[in-house]
Amino acid sequence: MASGSSNHRTMESRTGRTKQRYNSKGERLVAGVVPLSEDRLYVLLIQSTRRKGWVLPKGGWESDEECTEAAEREAWEEAGIIIRIDYDLGEVIDSRPPKKLSKDAPKALYRFYEATVLTEESNWPEKHKRERQWFTYTQAKEALSDRPELLQALELSTMHRT
């Protein structure tokens, strides 16, 4: 399927955490994507809203959606991209020490998916808050160096390591 038009639907942007899922350990369940170019040479990163630097699109997995739907929604909300999910990269545990986590944010358990970017939209819900930029593997590894959980997701992907 080369075109995303059959899969393209208008997604609603969500706010708040009233439907946020948590596991039995109290970890916040987060869905994320490693959005790659068709040739697997580039990954699309977005600017973090909480600090300087770049991150992968990710966010809370809510109780009324499948994890893949949450990943697609976050890709749309944060990066303005329509994606095709190719692989489930599995779970990645947030390994940041507790003092690095904000008091109101519990530890997270991430579920990442490798995805192909089908379309980059010019308007998206968080356009005013975030820039997006394509990175090579080496550039992305450097950009994510202080976020081990995001680096792990990148490492799990089939992106070309050039």
C-alpha atoms as a PDB file:
ATOM      1  CA  MET A   1       0.000   0.000   0.000  1.00  0.00           C
ATOM      2  CA  ALA A   2       1.913   3.030  -1.246  1.00  0.00           C
ATOM      3  CA  SER A   3      -0.644   5.673  -0.444  1.00  0.00           C
ATOM      4  CA  GLY A   4      -2.073   6.398   2.964  1.00  0.00           C
ATOM      5  CA  SER A   5      -5.327   7.824   1.625  1.00  0.00           C
ATOM      6  CA  SER A   6      -7.400   4.738   2.411  1.00  0.00           C
ATOM      7  CA  ASN A   7      -6.041   4.740   5.951  1.00  0.00           C
ATOM      8  CA  HIS A   8      -6.219   8.519   6.397  1.00  0.00           C
ATOM      9  CA  ARG A   9      -8.845   9.729   8.823  1.00  0.00           C
ATOM     10  CA  THR A  10      -9.219  12.950  10.712  1.00  0.00           C
ATOM     11  CA  MET A  11      -7.838  12.394  14.157  1.00  0.00           C
ATOM     12  CA  GLU A  12      -9.016  14.241  17.200  1.00  0.00           C
ATOM     13  CA  SER A  13      -6.376  15.888  19.338  1.00  0.00           C
ATOM     14  CA  ARG A  14      -6.703  14.983  23.001  1.00  0.00           C
ATOM     15  CA  THR A  15      -5.740  16.750  26.192  1.00  0.00           C
ATOM     16  CA  GLY A  16      -5.606  15.679  29.823  1.00  0.00           C
ATOM     17  CA  ARG A  17      -5.039  12.281  31.363  1.00  0.00           C
ATOM     18  CA  THR A  18      -8.498  11.210  32.457  1.00  0.00           C
ATOM     19  CA  LYS A  19      -8.386   8.111  30.222  1.00  0.00           C
ATOM     20  CA  GLN A  20      -4.687   7.374  30.785  1.00  0.00           C
ATOM     21  CA  ARG A  21      -3.778   3.690  31.227  1.00  0.00           C
ATOM     22  CA  TYR A  22      -1.498   2.482  34.035  1.00  0.00           C
ATOM     23  CA  ASN A  23      -0.233  -1.024  34.730  1.00  0.00           C
ATOM     24  CA  SER A  24      -0.317  -2.900  38.039  1.00  0.00           C
ATOM     25  CA  LYS A  25       3.014  -1.308  39.080  1.00  0.00           C
ATOM     26  CA  GLY A  26       1.553   2.171  38.625  1.00  0.00           C
ATOM     27  CA  GLU A  27       3.614   2.831  35.509  1.00  0.00           C
ATOM     28  CA  ARG A  28       2.051   5.144  32.930  1.00  0.00           C
ATOM     29  CA  LEU A  29       1.584   3.274  29.648  1.00  0.00           C
ATOM     30  CA  VAL A  30       2.963   5.282  26.728  1.00  0.00           C
ATOM     31  CA  ALA A  31       2.741   4.551  22.992  1.00  0.00           C
ATOM     32  CA  GLY A  32       5.419   5.871  20.658  1.00  0.00           C
ATOM     33  CA  VAL A  33       6.760   5.613  17.147  1.00  0.00           C
ATOM     34  CA  VAL A  34      10.113   5.526  15.406  1.00  0.00           C
ATOM     35  CA  PRO A  35       8.962   7.309  12.206  1.00  0.00           C
ATOM     36  CA  LEU A  36      11.224   6.402   9.300  1.00  0.00           C
ATOM     37  CA  SER A  37      11.525   7.498   5.689  1.00  0.00           C
ATOM     38  CA  GLU A  38      10.524   4.903   3.095  1.00  0.00           C
ATOM     39  CA  ASP A  39      14.207   4.094   2.397  1.00  0.00           C
ATOM     40  CA  ARG A  40      14.945   3.682   6.142  1.00  0.00           C
ATOM     41  CA  LEU A  41      17.806   6.228   5.939  1.00  0.00           C
ATOM     42  CA  TYR A  42      16.141   8.944   8.039  1.00  0.00           C
ATOM     43  CA  VAL A  43      14.135   9.195  11.245  1.00  0.00           C
ATOM     44  CA  LEU A  44      11.808  12.110  12.022  1.00  0.00           C
ATOM     45  CA  LEU A  45      12.353  13.654  15.458  1.00  0.00           C
ATOM     46  CA  ILE A  46      10.356  16.412  17.121  1.00  0.00           C
ATOM     47  CA  GLN A  47      11.367  19.114  19.553  1.00  0.00           C
ATOM     48  CA  SER A  48      10.652  18.347  23.176  1.00  0.00           C
ATOM     49  CA  THR A  49       8.198  20.768  24.778  1.00  0.00           C
ATOM     50  CA  ARG A  50       9.593  20.275  28.298  1.00  0.00           C
ATOM     51  CA  ARG A  51      13.298  20.850  27.644  1.00  0.00           C
ATOM     52  CA  LYS A  52      15.759  21.563  24.887  1.00  0.00           C
ATOM     53  CA  GLY A  53      16.422  18.780  22.476  1.00  0.00           C
ATOM     54  CA  TRP A  54      14.732  16.225  20.275  1.00  0.00           C
ATOM     55  CA  VAL A  55      12.472  13.265  21.025  1.00  0.00           C
ATOM     56  CA  LEU A  56      10.433  10.585  19.280  1.00  0.00           C
ATOM     57  CA  PRO A  57       6.657  11.151  19.021  1.00  0.00           C
ATOM     58  CA  LYS A  58       5.035   9.467  22.016  1.00  0.00           C
ATOM     59  CA  GLY A  59       2.301   9.930  24.554  1.00  0.00           C
ATOM     60  CA  GLY A  60      -0.234   8.329  26.820  1.00  0.00           C
ATOM     61  CA  TRP A  61      -2.090   5.216  25.715  1.00  0.00           C
ATOM     62  CA  GLU A  62      -5.730   5.835  26.607  1.00  0.00           C
ATOM     63  CA  SER A  63      -8.370   3.380  27.791  1.00  0.00           C
ATOM     64  CA  ASP A  64     -10.638   3.751  24.747  1.00  0.00           C
ATOM     65  CA  GLU A  65      -8.042   2.965  22.062  1.00  0.00           C
ATOM     66  CA  GLU A  66      -5.697   0.220  20.939  1.00  0.00           C
ATOM     67  CA  CYS A  67      -1.989   0.859  21.513  1.00  0.00           C
ATOM     68  CA  THR A  68      -1.381   1.157  17.751  1.00  0.00           C
ATOM     69  CA  GLU A  69      -4.158   3.779  17.565  1.00  0.00           C
ATOM     70  CA  ALA A  70      -2.485   5.729  20.377  1.00  0.00           C
ATOM     71  CA  ALA A  71       0.838   5.596  18.516  1.00  0.00           C
ATOM     72  CA  GLU A  72      -0.788   6.830  15.290  1.00  0.00           C
ATOM     73  CA  ARG A  73      -2.605   9.595  17.187  1.00  0.00           C
ATOM     74  CA  GLU A  74       0.569  10.787  18.915  1.00  0.00           C
ATOM     75  CA  ALA A  75       2.445  10.814  15.585  1.00  0.00           C
ATOM     76  CA  TRP A  76      -0.323  13.038  14.206  1.00  0.00           C
ATOM     77  CA  GLU A  77      -0.681  15.325  17.254  1.00  0.00           C
ATOM     78  CA  GLU A  78       3.030  15.870  17.898  1.00  0.00           C
ATOM     79  CA  ALA A  79       4.637  15.551  14.460  1.00  0.00           C
ATOM     80  CA  GLY A  80       1.818  16.118  11.964  1.00  0.00           C
ATOM     81  CA  ILE A  81       2.550  12.858  10.183  1.00  0.00           C
ATOM     82  CA  ILE A  82       0.362  10.102   8.797  1.00  0.00           C
ATOM     83  CA  ILE A  83       2.136   6.779   9.281  1.00  0.00           C
ATOM     84  CA  ARG A  84       1.952   3.113   8.456  1.00  0.00           C
ATOM     85  CA  ILE A  85       2.964   0.957  11.417  1.00  0.00           C
ATOM     86  CA  ASP A  86       5.373  -1.719  10.215  1.00  0.00           C
ATOM     87  CA  TYR A  87       6.683  -3.429  13.356  1.00  0.00           C
ATOM     88  CA  ASP A  88       5.961  -3.688  17.055  1.00  0.00           C
ATOM     89  CA  LEU A  89       9.321  -2.921  18.666  1.00  0.00           C
ATOM     90  CA  GLY A  90       8.132  -4.108  22.078  1.00  0.00           C
ATOM     91  CA  GLU A  91       8.287  -2.588  25.519  1.00  0.00           C
ATOM     92  CA  VAL A  92      10.968  -0.183  26.673  1.00  0.00           C
ATOM     93  CA  ILE A  93      11.230   0.668  30.358  1.00  0.00           C
ATOM     94  CA  ASP A  94      11.855   4.268  31.412  1.00  0.00           C
ATOM     95  CA  SER A  95      15.318   4.025  32.921  1.00  0.00           C
ATOM     96  CA  ARG A  96      15.702   7.624  34.030  1.00  0.00           C
ATOM     97  CA  PRO A  97      16.453   7.923  37.757  1.00  0.00           C
ATOM     98  CA  PRO A  98      13.477   9.103  39.879  1.00  0.00           C
ATOM     99  CA  LYS A  99      15.078  12.497  40.568  1.00  0.00           C
ATOM    100  CA  LYS A 100      15.051  13.214  36.806  1.00  0.00           C
ATOM    101  CA  LEU A 101      11.303  12.541  36.628  1.00  0.00           C
ATOM    102  CA  SER A 102       8.948  15.328  37.600  1.00  0.00           C
ATOM    103  CA  LYS A 103       6.962  14.767  40.794  1.00  0.00           C
ATOM    104  CA  ASP A 104       3.634  14.540  38.981  1.00  0.00           C
ATOM    105  CA  ALA A 105       4.866  12.076  36.346  1.00  0.00           C
ATOM    106  CA  PRO A 106       5.183   8.440  37.391  1.00  0.00           C
ATOM    107  CA  LYS A 107       7.655   6.166  35.652  1.00  0.00           C
ATOM    108  CA  ALA A 108       6.537   5.168  32.188  1.00  0.00           C
ATOM    109  CA  LEU A 109       6.452   1.896  30.296  1.00  0.00           C
ATOM    110  CA  TYR A 110       6.788   2.577  26.578  1.00  0.00           C
ATOM    111  CA  ARG A 111       5.479   0.482  23.686  1.00  0.00           C
ATOM    112  CA  PHE A 112       7.230   1.594  20.509  1.00  0.00           C
ATOM    113  CA  TYR A 113       6.336   0.866  16.899  1.00  0.00           C
ATOM    114  CA  GLU A 114       8.479   1.278  13.819  1.00  0.00           C
ATOM    115  CA  ALA A 115       6.531   3.207  11.207  1.00  0.00           C
ATOM    116  CA  THR A 116       6.901   4.553   7.691  1.00  0.00           C
ATOM    117  CA  VAL A 117       5.955   8.210   7.227  1.00  0.00           C
ATOM    118  CA  LEU A 118       3.381   8.396   4.427  1.00  0.00           C
ATOM    119  CA  THR A 119       2.498  12.094   4.630  1.00  0.00           C
ATOM    120  CA  GLU A 120       3.792  15.201   6.402  1.00  0.00           C
ATOM    121  CA  GLU A 121       0.882  17.577   6.964  1.00  0.00           C
ATOM    122  CA  SER A 122       1.467  21.341   7.003  1.00  0.00           C
ATOM    123  CA  ASN A 123      -0.914  21.922   9.928  1.00  0.00           C
ATOM    124  CA  TRP A 124      -1.179  19.732  13.010  1.00  0.00           C
ATOM    125  CA  PRO A 125      -2.324  20.103  16.629  1.00  0.00           C
ATOM    126  CA  GLU A 126       1.108  20.862  18.172  1.00  0.00           C
ATOM    127  CA  LYS A 127       2.622  22.787  15.251  1.00  0.00           C
ATOM    128  CA  HIS A 128       2.881  25.942  17.379  1.00  0.00           C
ATOM    129  CA  LYS A 129       4.846  24.041  20.074  1.00  0.00           C
ATOM    130  CA  ARG A 130       7.131  21.754  18.085  1.00  0.00           C
ATOM    131  CA  GLU A 131       9.436  21.649  15.127  1.00  0.00           C
ATOM    132  CA  ARG A 132      10.100  18.413  13.272  1.00  0.00           C
ATOM    133  CA  GLN A 133      13.304  17.444  11.510  1.00  0.00           C
ATOM    134  CA  TRP A 134      14.743  14.457   9.641  1.00  0.00           C
ATOM    135  CA  PHE A 135      17.931  12.936  11.100  1.00  0.00           C
ATOM    136  CA  THR A 136      20.370  10.289   9.921  1.00  0.00           C
ATOM    137  CA  TYR A 137      20.987   7.413  12.326  1.00  0.00           C
ATOM    138  CA  THR A 138      24.230   8.984  13.587  1.00  0.00           C
ATOM    139  CA  GLN A 139      22.569  12.391  14.086  1.00  0.00           C
ATOM    140  CA  ALA A 140      19.565  10.838  15.850  1.00  0.00           C
ATOM    141  CA  LYS A 141      21.771   8.756  18.137  1.00  0.00           C
ATOM    142  CA  GLU A 142      23.529  11.947  19.222  1.00  0.00           C
ATOM    143  CA  ALA A 143      20.256  13.898  19.595  1.00  0.00           C
ATOM    144  CA  LEU A 144      18.732  11.161  21.798  1.00  0.00           C
ATOM    145  CA  SER A 145      21.895  10.472  23.817  1.00  0.00           C
ATOM    146  CA  ASP A 146      20.409  11.754  27.086  1.00  0.00           C
ATOM    147  CA  ARG A 147      17.168   9.765  26.673  1.00  0.00           C
ATOM    148  CA  PRO A 148      18.170   6.073  26.960  1.00  0.00           C
ATOM    149  CA  GLU A 149      14.604   4.827  26.546  1.00  0.00           C
ATOM    150  CA  LEU A 150      14.232   6.660  23.215  1.00  0.00           C
ATOM    151  CA  LEU A 151      17.690   5.589  22.080  1.00  0.00           C
ATOM    152  CA  GLN A 152      16.739   1.988  22.818  1.00  0.00           C
ATOM    153  CA  ALA A 153      13.653   2.301  20.593  1.00  0.00           C
ATOM    154  CA  LEU A 154      15.836   3.698  17.787  1.00  0.00           C
ATOM    155  CA  GLU A 155      18.291   0.808  18.259  1.00  0.00           C
ATOM    156  CA  LEU A 156      15.434  -1.726  17.997  1.00  0.00           C
ATOM    157  CA  SER A 157      14.324  -0.305  14.632  1.00  0.00           C
ATOM    158  CA  THR A 158      15.452  -1.498  11.204  1.00  0.00           C
ATOM    159  CA  MET A 159      16.796   1.956  10.328  1.00  0.00           C
ATOM    160  CA  HIS A 160      19.973   1.850   8.212  1.00  0.00           C
ATOM    161  CA  ARG A 161      23.007   2.590  10.392  1.00  0.00           C
ATOM    162  CA  THR A 162      25.029   4.775   8.023  1.00  0.00           C
END
